[in-house]
């Protein structure tokens, strides 16, 4: 339950960051800022995804290999 809540909040945050980055990108004046924004967001999302997969694998292995 807590994991689902955290995932929903993080998905919302990542989506808003990506939307902000795309808006800045299309305005053109903050293109460098938008690029770094998107890179930071995507790397944070990848790190979170890897942590989530590791957590899922460890919980599965604890469940099946007691």
N, C-alpha and C. Protein backbone atom coordinates (compact mmCIF):
# COMPACT_ATOMS: atom_id res chain seq x y z
N UNK A 1 0.83 -1.20 0.00
CA UNK A 1 0.00 0.00 0.00
C UNK A 1 0.87 1.25 0.00
N UNK A 2 1.86 1.28 0.88
CA UNK A 2 2.76 2.43 0.96
C UNK A 2 3.58 2.56 -0.32
N UNK A 3 4.02 1.42 -0.87
CA UNK A 3 4.80 1.43 -2.11
C UNK A 3 3.96 2.01 -3.25
N UNK A 4 2.68 1.64 -3.31
CA UNK A 4 1.80 2.15 -4.36
C UNK A 4 1.64 3.65 -4.25
N UNK A 5 1.48 4.14 -3.02
CA UNK A 5 1.34 5.58 -2.79
C UNK A 5 2.61 6.32 -3.21
N UNK A 6 3.77 5.79 -2.82
CA UNK A 6 5.04 6.42 -3.18
C UNK A 6 5.22 6.42 -4.70
N UNK A 7 4.86 5.30 -5.35
CA UNK A 7 4.98 5.22 -6.80
C UNK A 7 4.07 6.23 -7.48
N UNK A 8 2.84 6.40 -6.97
CA UNK A 8 1.91 7.36 -7.57
C UNK A 8 2.44 8.78 -7.44
N UNK A 9 2.96 9.12 -6.25
CA UNK A 9 3.50 10.47 -6.03
C UNK A 9 4.71 10.71 -6.93
N UNK A 10 5.62 9.73 -7.01
CA UNK A 10 6.81 9.90 -7.83
C UNK A 10 6.47 9.99 -9.31
N UNK A 11 5.48 9.22 -9.75
CA UNK A 11 5.05 9.30 -11.15
C UNK A 11 4.50 10.68 -11.46
N UNK A 12 3.71 11.23 -10.53
CA UNK A 12 3.16 12.57 -10.70
C UNK A 12 4.28 13.61 -10.78
N UNK A 13 5.27 13.49 -9.87
CA UNK A 13 6.39 14.44 -9.85
C UNK A 13 7.19 14.35 -11.15
N UNK A 14 7.50 13.12 -11.58
CA UNK A 14 8.28 12.94 -12.81
C UNK A 14 7.53 13.49 -14.01
N UNK A 15 6.22 13.24 -14.08
CA UNK A 15 5.42 13.74 -15.19
C UNK A 15 5.41 15.26 -15.22
N UNK A 16 5.25 15.88 -14.05
CA UNK A 16 5.25 17.34 -14.02
C UNK A 16 6.61 17.90 -14.41
N UNK A 17 7.71 17.25 -13.97
CA UNK A 17 9.04 17.70 -14.35
C UNK A 17 9.24 17.61 -15.86
N UNK A 18 8.79 16.49 -16.46
CA UNK A 18 8.94 16.32 -17.91
C UNK A 18 8.12 17.36 -18.66
N UNK A 19 6.90 17.64 -18.17
CA UNK A 19 6.06 18.66 -18.82
C UNK A 19 6.72 20.03 -18.73
N UNK A 20 7.26 20.37 -17.56
CA UNK A 20 7.98 21.64 -17.40
C UNK A 20 9.17 21.71 -18.36
N UNK A 21 9.90 20.61 -18.47
CA UNK A 21 11.05 20.57 -19.37
C UNK A 21 10.65 20.77 -20.82
N UNK A 22 9.56 20.12 -21.24
CA UNK A 22 9.09 20.26 -22.62
C UNK A 22 8.60 21.69 -22.87
N UNK A 23 7.90 22.28 -21.90
CA UNK A 23 7.42 23.66 -22.05
C UNK A 23 8.60 24.62 -22.19
N UNK A 24 9.61 24.47 -21.32
CA UNK A 24 10.80 25.31 -21.40
C UNK A 24 11.50 25.12 -22.75
N UNK A 25 11.55 23.86 -23.21
CA UNK A 25 12.23 23.53 -24.47
C UNK A 25 11.55 24.25 -25.62
N UNK A 26 10.23 24.25 -25.65
CA UNK A 26 9.50 24.86 -26.76
C UNK A 26 9.53 26.38 -26.70
N UNK A 27 9.74 26.95 -25.52
CA UNK A 27 9.88 28.41 -25.44
C UNK A 27 11.20 28.84 -26.08
N UNK A 28 12.22 28.00 -25.96
CA UNK A 28 13.46 28.24 -26.67
C UNK A 28 14.49 29.04 -25.89
N UNK A 29 14.06 29.93 -25.00
CA UNK A 29 15.04 30.78 -24.33
C UNK A 29 15.76 30.04 -23.21
N UNK A 30 15.13 28.99 -22.68
CA UNK A 30 15.75 28.24 -21.57
C UNK A 30 16.08 26.82 -22.03
N UNK A 31 16.62 26.68 -23.24
CA UNK A 31 16.81 25.34 -23.79
C UNK A 31 17.88 24.56 -23.02
N UNK A 32 18.94 25.24 -22.59
CA UNK A 32 19.99 24.56 -21.82
C UNK A 32 19.43 24.09 -20.48
N UNK A 33 18.64 24.94 -19.84
CA UNK A 33 18.01 24.59 -18.56
C UNK A 33 17.07 23.41 -18.73
N UNK A 34 16.30 23.43 -19.81
CA UNK A 34 15.35 22.35 -20.06
C UNK A 34 16.08 21.03 -20.30
N UNK A 35 17.20 21.10 -21.02
CA UNK A 35 17.95 19.87 -21.30
C UNK A 35 18.49 19.26 -20.01
N UNK A 36 19.07 20.09 -19.14
CA UNK A 36 19.60 19.57 -17.88
C UNK A 36 18.46 19.07 -16.98
N UNK A 37 17.33 19.77 -17.02
CA UNK A 37 16.13 19.38 -16.28
C UNK A 37 15.69 17.97 -16.68
N UNK A 38 15.59 17.74 -18.00
CA UNK A 38 15.15 16.44 -18.50
C UNK A 38 16.16 15.35 -18.17
N UNK A 39 17.44 15.66 -18.27
CA UNK A 39 18.48 14.67 -17.97
C UNK A 39 18.42 14.27 -16.49
N UNK A 40 18.29 15.28 -15.61
CA UNK A 40 18.21 15.01 -14.18
C UNK A 40 16.97 14.17 -13.86
N UNK A 41 15.84 14.54 -14.47
CA UNK A 41 14.59 13.82 -14.21
C UNK A 41 14.68 12.38 -14.68
N UNK A 42 15.21 12.18 -15.89
CA UNK A 42 15.29 10.83 -16.43
C UNK A 42 16.26 9.97 -15.64
N UNK A 43 17.39 10.54 -15.21
CA UNK A 43 18.35 9.76 -14.42
C UNK A 43 17.76 9.40 -13.05
N UNK A 44 17.04 10.35 -12.44
CA UNK A 44 16.39 10.06 -11.16
C UNK A 44 15.34 8.97 -11.33
N UNK A 45 14.58 9.03 -12.44
CA UNK A 45 13.56 8.02 -12.69
C UNK A 45 14.20 6.65 -12.91
N UNK A 46 15.33 6.60 -13.62
CA UNK A 46 16.03 5.34 -13.85
C UNK A 46 16.54 4.75 -12.55
N UNK A 47 17.12 5.60 -11.69
CA UNK A 47 17.62 5.14 -10.39
C UNK A 47 16.47 4.58 -9.56
N UNK A 48 15.33 5.31 -9.54
CA UNK A 48 14.16 4.85 -8.81
C UNK A 48 13.65 3.53 -9.35
N UNK A 49 13.67 3.38 -10.68
CA UNK A 49 13.19 2.16 -11.32
C UNK A 49 14.08 0.97 -10.94
N UNK A 50 15.40 1.19 -10.93
CA UNK A 50 16.34 0.13 -10.56
C UNK A 50 16.14 -0.27 -9.10
N UNK A 51 15.95 0.72 -8.22
CA UNK A 51 15.71 0.43 -6.80
C UNK A 51 14.41 -0.35 -6.63
N UNK A 52 13.38 0.04 -7.38
CA UNK A 52 12.08 -0.64 -7.31
C UNK A 52 12.21 -2.09 -7.77
N UNK A 53 12.93 -2.33 -8.86
CA UNK A 53 13.12 -3.69 -9.36
C UNK A 53 13.90 -4.52 -8.34
N UNK A 54 14.94 -3.92 -7.75
CA UNK A 54 15.73 -4.64 -6.74
C UNK A 54 14.87 -4.99 -5.53
N UNK A 55 14.03 -4.05 -5.10
CA UNK A 55 13.13 -4.29 -3.98
C UNK A 55 12.15 -5.41 -4.30
N UNK A 56 11.62 -5.38 -5.53
CA UNK A 56 10.66 -6.40 -5.97
C UNK A 56 11.31 -7.78 -5.99
N UNK A 57 12.54 -7.86 -6.52
CA UNK A 57 13.25 -9.14 -6.60
C UNK A 57 13.56 -9.66 -5.20
N UNK A 58 14.00 -8.78 -4.29
CA UNK A 58 14.33 -9.25 -2.94
C UNK A 58 13.08 -9.70 -2.20
N UNK A 59 11.95 -8.99 -2.39
CA UNK A 59 10.73 -9.41 -1.70
C UNK A 59 10.23 -10.74 -2.27
N UNK A 60 10.36 -10.93 -3.59
CA UNK A 60 9.96 -12.20 -4.19
C UNK A 60 10.85 -13.33 -3.70
N UNK A 61 12.16 -13.10 -3.64
CA UNK A 61 13.07 -14.15 -3.21
C UNK A 61 12.85 -14.49 -1.73
N UNK A 62 12.54 -13.49 -0.90
CA UNK A 62 12.24 -13.76 0.50
C UNK A 62 10.94 -14.54 0.62
N UNK A 63 9.99 -14.27 -0.27
CA UNK A 63 8.70 -14.95 -0.21
C UNK A 63 8.83 -16.41 -0.63
N UNK A 64 9.62 -16.68 -1.67
CA UNK A 64 9.69 -18.03 -2.21
C UNK A 64 10.79 -18.88 -1.60
N UNK A 65 11.86 -18.27 -1.12
CA UNK A 65 12.99 -19.04 -0.59
C UNK A 65 13.16 -18.75 0.90
N UNK A 66 12.18 -19.18 1.68
CA UNK A 66 12.26 -18.94 3.13
C UNK A 66 13.18 -19.96 3.78
